[in-house]
Structure formats: structure tokens, C-alpha cells
Amino acid sequence: MVVITGTVRIREGALEAARPVMEAVLTASRAEKGCVHYAYAVDVLDPTVIHITEQWESEEDLRAHLATPHVALWRSHWEDLGISDRRLTLHEVSASKSV
């Protein structure tokens, strides 16, 4: 399993304009083969920071996700929404347990 964690920054005041595109990406991504979890969350202390968490069954599934039209759509809106400071990390997970 691979896990992606990280953040992006969105221009102040652009969150409402971003919501429809983010919802479209979330819905399509969650329906993809190999998607275990896919979520965006607004930071409580800084609403210009969006936390991203993803879980994929394999890196192959993640690569397929990155080549989808809905990811291209999301990226096409980055300039308009002031998306910047993209900081994502891929984690290879061999085991997990509830805590």
C-alpha cells in the first residue's frame, strides 16, 4: 500500500470557487481501482491550507490516478485558484494497525 500525505496552499478567498472542482476530483478518485482513501481537509487554523491524504493499493494504481482526466482538470484550475506550496510525500506501507 502507498499513502500520500501533504498540503497545498490556496489563495485566500478562493475556497468556495475551488469546492466544485475539489468535489469532482474526490468523487472520481474514490471510484478508481485501487483507491482505499482519498480526502481533502481545510486546516482549522489556516483556511488557505488544504491537507491531502490518499491511500492506494499500489504505486501502479497511484500512477494511473495521476494520468486521469479529473486530475488534469484539477491541475488546470491551480493558477486561477492560486494553488501553491504543493508538498506531498509518498509513504510505502508494509503493515498497519489501529491505534
PDB file of N, CA and C in Angstrom:
ATOM      1  N   MET A   1       0.851  -1.173   0.000  1.00  0.00           N
ATOM      2  CA  MET A   1       0.000   0.000   0.000  1.00  0.00           C
ATOM      3  C   MET A   1       0.896   1.235   0.000  1.00  0.00           C
ATOM      4  N   VAL A   2       0.435   2.271  -0.669  1.00  0.00           N
ATOM      5  CA  VAL A   2       1.119   3.559  -0.619  1.00  0.00           C
ATOM      6  C   VAL A   2       0.164   4.593  -0.039  1.00  0.00           C
ATOM      7  N   VAL A   3       0.729   5.477   0.759  1.00  0.00           N
ATOM      8  CA  VAL A   3      -0.025   6.546   1.394  1.00  0.00           C
ATOM      9  C   VAL A   3       0.611   7.869   0.975  1.00  0.00           C
ATOM     10  N   ILE A   4      -0.218   8.805   0.580  1.00  0.00           N
ATOM     11  CA  ILE A   4       0.231  10.153   0.254  1.00  0.00           C
ATOM     12  C   ILE A   4      -0.289  11.070   1.347  1.00  0.00           C
ATOM     13  N   THR A   5       0.596  11.878   1.904  1.00  0.00           N
ATOM     14  CA  THR A   5       0.184  12.897   2.867  1.00  0.00           C
ATOM     15  C   THR A   5       0.829  14.210   2.461  1.00  0.00           C
ATOM     16  N   GLY A   6       0.139  15.297   2.769  1.00  0.00           N
ATOM     17  CA  GLY A   6       0.731  16.593   2.479  1.00  0.00           C
ATOM     18  C   GLY A   6      -0.282  17.711   2.450  1.00  0.00           C
ATOM     19  N   THR A   7       0.178  18.821   1.898  1.00  0.00           N
ATOM     20  CA  THR A   7      -0.646  20.020   1.848  1.00  0.00           C
ATOM     21  C   THR A   7      -0.438  20.768   0.536  1.00  0.00           C
ATOM     22  N   VAL A   8      -1.424  21.581   0.217  1.00  0.00           N
ATOM     23  CA  VAL A   8      -1.297  22.625  -0.800  1.00  0.00           C
ATOM     24  C   VAL A   8      -1.861  23.889  -0.173  1.00  0.00           C
ATOM     25  N   ARG A   9      -1.456  24.998  -0.709  1.00  0.00           N
ATOM     26  CA  ARG A   9      -1.989  26.279  -0.249  1.00  0.00           C
ATOM     27  C   ARG A   9      -2.884  26.827  -1.358  1.00  0.00           C
ATOM     28  N   ILE A  10      -4.013  27.411  -0.950  1.00  0.00           N
ATOM     29  CA  ILE A  10      -4.954  28.007  -1.884  1.00  0.00           C
ATOM     30  C   ILE A  10      -5.047  29.504  -1.571  1.00  0.00           C
ATOM     31  N   ARG A  11      -5.224  30.292  -2.620  1.00  0.00           N
ATOM     32  CA  ARG A  11      -5.319  31.744  -2.422  1.00  0.00           C
ATOM     33  C   ARG A  11      -6.452  32.074  -1.457  1.00  0.00           C
ATOM     34  N   GLU A  12      -6.211  33.022  -0.579  1.00  0.00           N
ATOM     35  CA  GLU A  12      -7.225  33.452   0.383  1.00  0.00           C
ATOM     36  C   GLU A  12      -8.492  33.868  -0.366  1.00  0.00           C
ATOM     37  N   GLY A  13      -9.622  33.349   0.080  1.00  0.00           N
ATOM     38  CA  GLY A  13     -10.906  33.684  -0.531  1.00  0.00           C
ATOM     39  C   GLY A  13     -11.297  32.797  -1.704  1.00  0.00           C
ATOM     40  N   ALA A  14     -10.432  31.862  -2.110  1.00  0.00           N
ATOM     41  CA  ALA A  14     -10.706  31.030  -3.286  1.00  0.00           C
ATOM     42  C   ALA A  14     -11.334  29.677  -2.947  1.00  0.00           C
ATOM     43  N   LEU A  15     -11.514  29.392  -1.683  1.00  0.00           N
ATOM     44  CA  LEU A  15     -12.000  28.070  -1.290  1.00  0.00           C
ATOM     45  C   LEU A  15     -13.378  27.756  -1.870  1.00  0.00           C
ATOM     46  N   GLU A  16     -14.288  28.682  -1.819  1.00  0.00           N
ATOM     47  CA  GLU A  16     -15.640  28.412  -2.344  1.00  0.00           C
ATOM     48  C   GLU A  16     -15.602  28.146  -3.841  1.00  0.00           C
ATOM     49  N   ALA A  17     -14.753  28.852  -4.573  1.00  0.00           N
ATOM     50  CA  ALA A  17     -14.624  28.599  -6.014  1.00  0.00           C
ATOM     51  C   ALA A  17     -13.987  27.239  -6.273  1.00  0.00           C
ATOM     52  N   ALA A  18     -13.137  26.786  -5.355  1.00  0.00           N
ATOM     53  CA  ALA A  18     -12.444  25.505  -5.521  1.00  0.00           C
ATOM     54  C   ALA A  18     -13.322  24.310  -5.189  1.00  0.00           C
ATOM     55  N   ARG A  19     -14.311  24.500  -4.350  1.00  0.00           N
ATOM     56  CA  ARG A  19     -15.109  23.364  -3.860  1.00  0.00           C
ATOM     57  C   ARG A  19     -15.704  22.487  -4.970  1.00  0.00           C
ATOM     58  N   PRO A  20     -16.333  23.035  -6.015  1.00  0.00           N
ATOM     59  CA  PRO A  20     -16.905  22.150  -7.040  1.00  0.00           C
ATOM     60  C   PRO A  20     -15.855  21.300  -7.745  1.00  0.00           C
ATOM     61  N   VAL A  21     -14.700  21.879  -8.022  1.00  0.00           N
ATOM     62  CA  VAL A  21     -13.640  21.117  -8.689  1.00  0.00           C
ATOM     63  C   VAL A  21     -13.076  20.068  -7.736  1.00  0.00           C
ATOM     64  N   MET A  22     -12.865  20.450  -6.483  1.00  0.00           N
ATOM     65  CA  MET A  22     -12.358  19.503  -5.494  1.00  0.00           C
ATOM     66  C   MET A  22     -13.347  18.354  -5.288  1.00  0.00           C
ATOM     67  N   GLU A  23     -14.630  18.659  -5.233  1.00  0.00           N
ATOM     68  CA  GLU A  23     -15.643  17.611  -5.075  1.00  0.00           C
ATOM     69  C   GLU A  23     -15.633  16.655  -6.265  1.00  0.00           C
ATOM     70  N   ALA A  24     -15.476  17.191  -7.467  1.00  0.00           N
ATOM     71  CA  ALA A  24     -15.427  16.342  -8.666  1.00  0.00           C
ATOM     72  C   ALA A  24     -14.218  15.411  -8.617  1.00  0.00           C
ATOM     73  N   VAL A  25     -13.071  15.937  -8.207  1.00  0.00           N
ATOM     74  CA  VAL A  25     -11.859  15.122  -8.117  1.00  0.00           C
ATOM     75  C   VAL A  25     -12.014  14.057  -7.033  1.00  0.00           C
ATOM     76  N   LEU A  26     -12.549  14.446  -5.890  1.00  0.00           N
ATOM     77  CA  LEU A  26     -12.749  13.483  -4.803  1.00  0.00           C
ATOM     78  C   LEU A  26     -13.674  12.343  -5.232  1.00  0.00           C
ATOM     79  N   THR A  27     -14.791  12.682  -5.829  1.00  0.00           N
ATOM     80  CA  THR A  27     -15.764  11.671  -6.235  1.00  0.00           C
ATOM     81  C   THR A  27     -15.173  10.712  -7.257  1.00  0.00           C
ATOM     82  N   ALA A  28     -14.517  11.255  -8.277  1.00  0.00           N
ATOM     83  CA  ALA A  28     -13.929  10.407  -9.325  1.00  0.00           C
ATOM     84  C   ALA A  28     -12.770   9.577  -8.782  1.00  0.00           C
ATOM     85  N   SER A  29     -11.948  10.171  -7.942  1.00  0.00           N
ATOM     86  CA  SER A  29     -10.791   9.451  -7.396  1.00  0.00           C
ATOM     87  C   SER A  29     -11.226   8.299  -6.507  1.00  0.00           C
ATOM     88  N   ARG A  30     -12.225   8.537  -5.681  1.00  0.00           N
ATOM     89  CA  ARG A  30     -12.704   7.489  -4.774  1.00  0.00           C
ATOM     90  C   ARG A  30     -13.287   6.296  -5.524  1.00  0.00           C
ATOM     91  N   ALA A  31     -13.709   6.504  -6.766  1.00  0.00           N
ATOM     92  CA  ALA A  31     -14.275   5.419  -7.571  1.00  0.00           C
ATOM     93  C   ALA A  31     -13.214   4.649  -8.354  1.00  0.00           C
ATOM     94  N   GLU A  32     -11.983   5.110  -8.313  1.00  0.00           N
ATOM     95  CA  GLU A  32     -10.914   4.474  -9.089  1.00  0.00           C
ATOM     96  C   GLU A  32     -10.482   3.138  -8.498  1.00  0.00           C
ATOM     97  N   LYS A  33     -10.006   2.268  -9.377  1.00  0.00           N
ATOM     98  CA  LYS A  33      -9.413   0.998  -8.970  1.00  0.00           C
ATOM     99  C   LYS A  33      -8.224   1.288  -8.050  1.00  0.00           C
ATOM    100  N   GLY A  34      -8.187   0.616  -6.937  1.00  0.00           N
ATOM    101  CA  GLY A  34      -7.047   0.729  -6.033  1.00  0.00           C
ATOM    102  C   GLY A  34      -7.119   1.851  -5.027  1.00  0.00           C
ATOM    103  N   CYS A  35      -8.142   2.701  -5.111  1.00  0.00           N
ATOM    104  CA  CYS A  35      -8.263   3.795  -4.149  1.00  0.00           C
ATOM    105  C   CYS A  35      -8.886   3.269  -2.862  1.00  0.00           C
ATOM    106  N   VAL A  36      -8.135   3.390  -1.778  1.00  0.00           N
ATOM    107  CA  VAL A  36      -8.611   2.969  -0.466  1.00  0.00           C
ATOM    108  C   VAL A  36      -9.188   4.164   0.292  1.00  0.00           C
ATOM    109  N   HIS A  37      -8.544   5.314   0.122  1.00  0.00           N
ATOM    110  CA  HIS A  37      -8.942   6.541   0.827  1.00  0.00           C
ATOM    111  C   HIS A  37      -8.447   7.735   0.016  1.00  0.00           C
ATOM    112  N   TYR A  38      -9.266   8.779  -0.062  1.00  0.00           N
ATOM    113  CA  TYR A  38      -8.878   9.999  -0.782  1.00  0.00           C
ATOM    114  C   TYR A  38      -9.633  11.154  -0.141  1.00  0.00           C
ATOM    115  N   ALA A  39      -8.917  12.119   0.448  1.00  0.00           N
ATOM    116  CA  ALA A  39      -9.597  13.196   1.163  1.00  0.00           C
ATOM    117  C   ALA A  39      -8.813  14.498   1.132  1.00  0.00           C
ATOM    118  N   TYR A  40      -9.563  15.590   1.153  1.00  0.00           N
ATOM    119  CA  TYR A  40      -9.025  16.936   1.340  1.00  0.00           C
ATOM    120  C   TYR A  40      -9.651  17.480   2.623  1.00  0.00           C
ATOM    121  N   ALA A  41      -8.885  18.264   3.378  1.00  0.00           N
ATOM    122  CA  ALA A  41      -9.422  18.876   4.593  1.00  0.00           C
ATOM    123  C   ALA A  41      -8.828  20.273   4.746  1.00  0.00           C
ATOM    124  N   VAL A  42      -9.680  21.218   5.076  1.00  0.00           N
ATOM    125  CA  VAL A  42      -9.237  22.595   5.306  1.00  0.00           C
ATOM    126  C   VAL A  42      -8.635  22.683   6.710  1.00  0.00           C
ATOM    127  N   ASP A  43      -7.466  23.301   6.814  1.00  0.00           N
ATOM    128  CA  ASP A  43      -6.821  23.474   8.112  1.00  0.00           C
ATOM    129  C   ASP A  43      -7.661  24.407   8.985  1.00  0.00           C
ATOM    130  N   VAL A  44      -7.902  24.011  10.216  1.00  0.00           N
ATOM    131  CA  VAL A  44      -8.738  24.788  11.134  1.00  0.00           C
ATOM    132  C   VAL A  44      -8.108  26.144  11.460  1.00  0.00           C
ATOM    133  N   LEU A  45      -6.795  26.171  11.575  1.00  0.00           N
ATOM    134  CA  LEU A  45      -6.125  27.418  11.954  1.00  0.00           C
ATOM    135  C   LEU A  45      -5.732  28.283  10.767  1.00  0.00           C
ATOM    136  N   ASP A  46      -5.662  27.699   9.574  1.00  0.00           N
ATOM    137  CA  ASP A  46      -5.276  28.458   8.380  1.00  0.00           C
ATOM    138  C   ASP A  46      -6.084  27.954   7.194  1.00  0.00           C
ATOM    139  N   PRO A  47      -7.205  28.614   6.858  1.00  0.00           N
ATOM    140  CA  PRO A  47      -8.075  28.126   5.786  1.00  0.00           C
ATOM    141  C   PRO A  47      -7.473  28.214   4.384  1.00  0.00           C
ATOM    142  N   THR A  48      -6.249  28.704   4.257  1.00  0.00           N
ATOM    143  CA  THR A  48      -5.581  28.668   2.955  1.00  0.00           C
ATOM    144  C   THR A  48      -4.767  27.387   2.782  1.00  0.00           C
ATOM    145  N   VAL A  49      -4.741  26.534   3.801  1.00  0.00           N
ATOM    146  CA  VAL A  49      -4.009  25.266   3.728  1.00  0.00           C
ATOM    147  C   VAL A  49      -5.009  24.118   3.596  1.00  0.00           C
ATOM    148  N   ILE A  50      -4.805  23.298   2.572  1.00  0.00           N
ATOM    149  CA  ILE A  50      -5.627  22.116   2.339  1.00  0.00           C
ATOM    150  C   ILE A  50      -4.756  20.890   2.604  1.00  0.00           C
ATOM    151  N   HIS A  51      -5.187  20.062   3.547  1.00  0.00           N
ATOM    152  CA  HIS A  51      -4.473  18.817   3.839  1.00  0.00           C
ATOM    153  C   HIS A  51      -4.987  17.731   2.898  1.00  0.00           C
ATOM    154  N   ILE A  52      -4.069  16.944   2.391  1.00  0.00           N
ATOM    155  CA  ILE A  52      -4.405  15.883   1.450  1.00  0.00           C
ATOM    156  C   ILE A  52      -3.950  14.547   2.034  1.00  0.00           C
ATOM    157  N   THR A  53      -4.841  13.568   2.017  1.00  0.00           N
ATOM    158  CA  THR A  53      -4.470  12.203   2.385  1.00  0.00           C
ATOM    159  C   THR A  53      -5.044  11.244   1.350  1.00  0.00           C
ATOM    160  N   GLU A  54      -4.206  10.325   0.934  1.00  0.00           N
ATOM    161  CA  GLU A  54      -4.607   9.315  -0.043  1.00  0.00           C
ATOM    162  C   GLU A  54      -4.026   7.978   0.376  1.00  0.00           C
ATOM    163  N   GLN A  55      -4.755   6.908   0.084  1.00  0.00           N
ATOM    164  CA  GLN A  55      -4.238   5.554   0.246  1.00  0.00           C
ATOM    165  C   GLN A  55      -4.563   4.791  -1.026  1.00  0.00           C
ATOM    166  N   TRP A  56      -3.542   4.166  -1.587  1.00  0.00           N
ATOM    167  CA  TRP A  56      -3.683   3.395  -2.814  1.00  0.00           C
ATOM    168  C   TRP A  56      -3.153   1.994  -2.585  1.00  0.00           C
ATOM    169  N   GLU A  57      -3.777   1.012  -3.208  1.00  0.00           N
ATOM    170  CA  GLU A  57      -3.334  -0.370  -3.064  1.00  0.00           C
ATOM    171  C   GLU A  57      -1.931  -0.574  -3.616  1.00  0.00           C
ATOM    172  N   SER A  58      -1.545   0.212  -4.647  1.00  0.00           N
ATOM    173  CA  SER A  58      -0.215   0.052  -5.240  1.00  0.00           C
ATOM    174  C   SER A  58       0.235   1.358  -5.888  1.00  0.00           C
ATOM    175  N   GLU A  59       1.529   1.440  -6.147  1.00  0.00           N
ATOM    176  CA  GLU A  59       2.051   2.593  -6.885  1.00  0.00           C
ATOM    177  C   GLU A  59       1.509   2.611  -8.307  1.00  0.00           C
ATOM    178  N   GLU A  60       1.249   1.453  -8.863  1.00  0.00           N
ATOM    179  CA  GLU A  60       0.659   1.373 -10.195  1.00  0.00           C
ATOM    180  C   GLU A  60      -0.713   2.054 -10.212  1.00  0.00           C
ATOM    181  N   ASP A  61      -1.515   1.801  -9.180  1.00  0.00           N
ATOM    182  CA  ASP A  61      -2.828   2.453  -9.085  1.00  0.00           C
ATOM    183  C   ASP A  61      -2.663   3.963  -8.933  1.00  0.00           C
ATOM    184  N   LEU A  62      -1.689   4.393  -8.156  1.00  0.00           N
ATOM    185  CA  LEU A  62      -1.427   5.824  -7.997  1.00  0.00           C
ATOM    186  C   LEU A  62      -1.018   6.448  -9.324  1.00  0.00           C
ATOM    187  N   ARG A  63      -0.122   5.796 -10.062  1.00  0.00           N
ATOM    188  CA  ARG A  63       0.298   6.327 -11.369  1.00  0.00           C
ATOM    189  C   ARG A  63      -0.892   6.447 -12.323  1.00  0.00           C
ATOM    190  N   ALA A  64      -1.765   5.446 -12.305  1.00  0.00           N
ATOM    191  CA  ALA A  64      -2.964   5.504 -13.158  1.00  0.00           C
ATOM    192  C   ALA A  64      -3.840   6.685 -12.751  1.00  0.00           C
ATOM    193  N   HIS A  65      -3.973   6.898 -11.454  1.00  0.00           N
ATOM    194  CA  HIS A  65      -4.751   8.037 -10.941  1.00  0.00           C
ATOM    195  C   HIS A  65      -4.190   9.362 -11.452  1.00  0.00           C
ATOM    196  N   LEU A  66      -2.879   9.500 -11.395  1.00  0.00           N
ATOM    197  CA  LEU A  66      -2.249  10.762 -11.807  1.00  0.00           C
ATOM    198  C   LEU A  66      -2.424  11.056 -13.294  1.00  0.00           C
ATOM    199  N   ALA A  67      -2.778  10.052 -14.081  1.00  0.00           N
ATOM    200  CA  ALA A  67      -2.976  10.223 -15.524  1.00  0.00           C
ATOM    201  C   ALA A  67      -4.443  10.405 -15.914  1.00  0.00           C
ATOM    202  N   THR A  68      -5.342  10.535 -14.934  1.00  0.00           N
ATOM    203  CA  THR A  68      -6.770  10.620 -15.234  1.00  0.00           C
ATOM    204  C   THR A  68      -7.190  12.031 -15.653  1.00  0.00           C
ATOM    205  N   PRO A  69      -8.292  12.133 -16.384  1.00  0.00           N
ATOM    206  CA  PRO A  69      -8.813  13.448 -16.766  1.00  0.00           C
ATOM    207  C   PRO A  69      -9.201  14.319 -15.570  1.00  0.00           C
ATOM    208  N   HIS A  70      -9.700  13.717 -14.487  1.00  0.00           N
ATOM    209  CA  HIS A  70     -10.101  14.539 -13.339  1.00  0.00           C
ATOM    210  C   HIS A  70      -8.896  15.147 -12.623  1.00  0.00           C
ATOM    211  N   VAL A  71      -7.766  14.471 -12.609  1.00  0.00           N
ATOM    212  CA  VAL A  71      -6.551  15.087 -12.050  1.00  0.00           C
ATOM    213  C   VAL A  71      -6.080  16.219 -12.972  1.00  0.00           C
ATOM    214  N   ALA A  72      -6.158  16.008 -14.276  1.00  0.00           N
ATOM    215  CA  ALA A  72      -5.799  17.071 -15.220  1.00  0.00           C
ATOM    216  C   ALA A  72      -6.727  18.280 -15.048  1.00  0.00           C
ATOM    217  N   LEU A  73      -8.007  18.024 -14.822  1.00  0.00           N
ATOM    218  CA  LEU A  73      -8.960  19.113 -14.590  1.00  0.00           C
ATOM    219  C   LEU A  73      -8.567  19.904 -13.343  1.00  0.00           C
ATOM    220  N   TRP A  74      -8.266  19.209 -12.258  1.00  0.00           N
ATOM    221  CA  TRP A  74      -7.857  19.860 -11.008  1.00  0.00           C
ATOM    222  C   TRP A  74      -6.623  20.733 -11.250  1.00  0.00           C
ATOM    223  N   ARG A  75      -5.634  20.163 -11.922  1.00  0.00           N
ATOM    224  CA  ARG A  75      -4.400  20.918 -12.190  1.00  0.00           C
ATOM    225  C   ARG A  75      -4.660  22.131 -13.080  1.00  0.00           C
ATOM    226  N   SER A  76      -5.630  22.031 -13.982  1.00  0.00           N
ATOM    227  CA  SER A  76      -5.921  23.153 -14.881  1.00  0.00           C
ATOM    228  C   SER A  76      -6.489  24.360 -14.133  1.00  0.00           C
ATOM    229  N   HIS A  77      -6.977  24.148 -12.920  1.00  0.00           N
ATOM    230  CA  HIS A  77      -7.540  25.230 -12.107  1.00  0.00           C
ATOM    231  C   HIS A  77      -6.545  25.827 -11.112  1.00  0.00           C
ATOM    232  N   TRP A  78      -5.381  25.243 -11.005  1.00  0.00           N
ATOM    233  CA  TRP A  78      -4.425  25.690  -9.992  1.00  0.00           C
ATOM    234  C   TRP A  78      -4.087  27.172 -10.098  1.00  0.00           C
ATOM    235  N   GLU A  79      -3.836  27.655 -11.291  1.00  0.00           N
ATOM    236  CA  GLU A  79      -3.462  29.066 -11.437  1.00  0.00           C
ATOM    237  C   GLU A  79      -4.608  29.981 -11.019  1.00  0.00           C
ATOM    238  N   ASP A  80      -5.823  29.692 -11.478  1.00  0.00           N
ATOM    239  CA  ASP A  80      -6.988  30.514 -11.129  1.00  0.00           C
ATOM    240  C   ASP A  80      -7.247  30.544  -9.626  1.00  0.00           C
ATOM    241  N   LEU A  81      -6.989  29.415  -8.960  1.00  0.00           N
ATOM    242  CA  LEU A  81      -7.267  29.298  -7.529  1.00  0.00           C
ATOM    243  C   LEU A  81      -6.072  29.668  -6.656  1.00  0.00           C
ATOM    244  N   GLY A  82      -4.957  29.972  -7.297  1.00  0.00           N
ATOM    245  CA  GLY A  82      -3.756  30.330  -6.546  1.00  0.00           C
ATOM    246  C   GLY A  82      -3.178  29.162  -5.775  1.00  0.00           C
ATOM    247  N   ILE A  83      -3.273  27.950  -6.326  1.00  0.00           N
ATOM    248  CA  ILE A  83      -2.705  26.776  -5.668  1.00  0.00           C
ATOM    249  C   ILE A  83      -1.180  26.878  -5.718  1.00  0.00           C
ATOM    250  N   SER A  84      -0.559  26.760  -4.557  1.00  0.00           N
ATOM    251  CA  SER A  84       0.900  26.851  -4.469  1.00  0.00           C
ATOM    252  C   SER A  84       1.390  25.990  -3.308  1.00  0.00           C
ATOM    253  N   ASP A  85       2.677  26.010  -3.100  1.00  0.00           N
ATOM    254  CA  ASP A  85       3.299  25.301  -1.971  1.00  0.00           C
ATOM    255  C   ASP A  85       2.826  23.854  -1.859  1.00  0.00           C
ATOM    256  N   ARG A  86       2.785  23.174  -2.992  1.00  0.00           N
ATOM    257  CA  ARG A  86       2.372  21.764  -3.015  1.00  0.00           C
ATOM    258  C   ARG A  86       3.478  20.936  -2.363  1.00  0.00           C
ATOM    259  N   ARG A  87       3.150  20.281  -1.263  1.00  0.00           N
ATOM    260  CA  ARG A  87       4.117  19.467  -0.522  1.00  0.00           C
ATOM    261  C   ARG A  87       3.478  18.127  -0.196  1.00  0.00           C
ATOM    262  N   LEU A  88       3.743  17.160  -1.038  1.00  0.00           N
ATOM    263  CA  LEU A  88       3.177  15.828  -0.853  1.00  0.00           C
ATOM    264  C   LEU A  88       4.307  14.818  -0.673  1.00  0.00           C
ATOM    265  N   THR A  89       4.072  13.836   0.178  1.00  0.00           N
ATOM    266  CA  THR A  89       5.056  12.792   0.439  1.00  0.00           C
ATOM    267  C   THR A  89       4.405  11.435   0.242  1.00  0.00           C
ATOM    268  N   LEU A  90       5.097  10.554  -0.464  1.00  0.00           N
ATOM    269  CA  LEU A  90       4.643   9.186  -0.663  1.00  0.00           C
ATOM    270  C   LEU A  90       5.291   8.312   0.401  1.00  0.00           C
ATOM    271  N   HIS A  91       4.475   7.507   1.064  1.00  0.00           N
ATOM    272  CA  HIS A  91       4.931   6.568   2.082  1.00  0.00           C
ATOM    273  C   HIS A  91       4.601   5.162   1.614  1.00  0.00           C
ATOM    274  N   GLU A  92       5.578   4.276   1.635  1.00  0.00           N
ATOM    275  CA  GLU A  92       5.339   2.870   1.331  1.00  0.00           C
ATOM    276  C   GLU A  92       5.038   2.166   2.647  1.00  0.00           C
ATOM    277  N   VAL A  93       3.874   1.547   2.723  1.00  0.00           N
ATOM    278  CA  VAL A  93       3.425   0.939   3.973  1.00  0.00           C
ATOM    279  C   VAL A  93       3.397  -0.575   3.812  1.00  0.00           C
ATOM    280  N   SER A  94       4.110  -1.261   4.675  1.00  0.00           N
ATOM    281  CA  SER A  94       4.119  -2.717   4.619  1.00  0.00           C
ATOM    282  C   SER A  94       3.153  -3.333   5.629  1.00  0.00           C
ATOM    283  N   ALA A  95       2.789  -2.561   6.659  1.00  0.00           N
ATOM    284  CA  ALA A  95       1.851  -3.049   7.658  1.00  0.00           C
ATOM    285  C   ALA A  95       1.197  -1.858   8.354  1.00  0.00           C
ATOM    286  N   SER A  96       0.004  -2.077   8.859  1.00  0.00           N
ATOM    287  CA  SER A  96      -0.681  -1.015   9.618  1.00  0.00           C
ATOM    288  C   SER A  96      -1.587  -1.658  10.650  1.00  0.00           C
ATOM    289  N   LYS A  97      -1.957  -0.875  11.657  1.00  0.00           N
ATOM    290  CA  LYS A  97      -2.869  -1.364  12.684  1.00  0.00           C
ATOM    291  C   LYS A  97      -3.601  -0.174  13.292  1.00  0.00           C
ATOM    292  N   SER A  98      -4.732  -0.431  13.862  1.00  0.00           N
ATOM    293  CA  SER A  98      -5.494   0.617  14.525  1.00  0.00           C
ATOM    294  C   SER A  98      -4.796   1.030  15.805  1.00  0.00           C
ATOM    295  N   VAL A  99      -4.896   2.295  16.135  1.00  0.00           N
ATOM    296  CA  VAL A  99      -4.298   2.800  17.384  1.00  0.00           C
ATOM    297  C   VAL A  99      -5.354   3.469  18.234  1.00  0.00           C
TER     298      VAL A  99
END
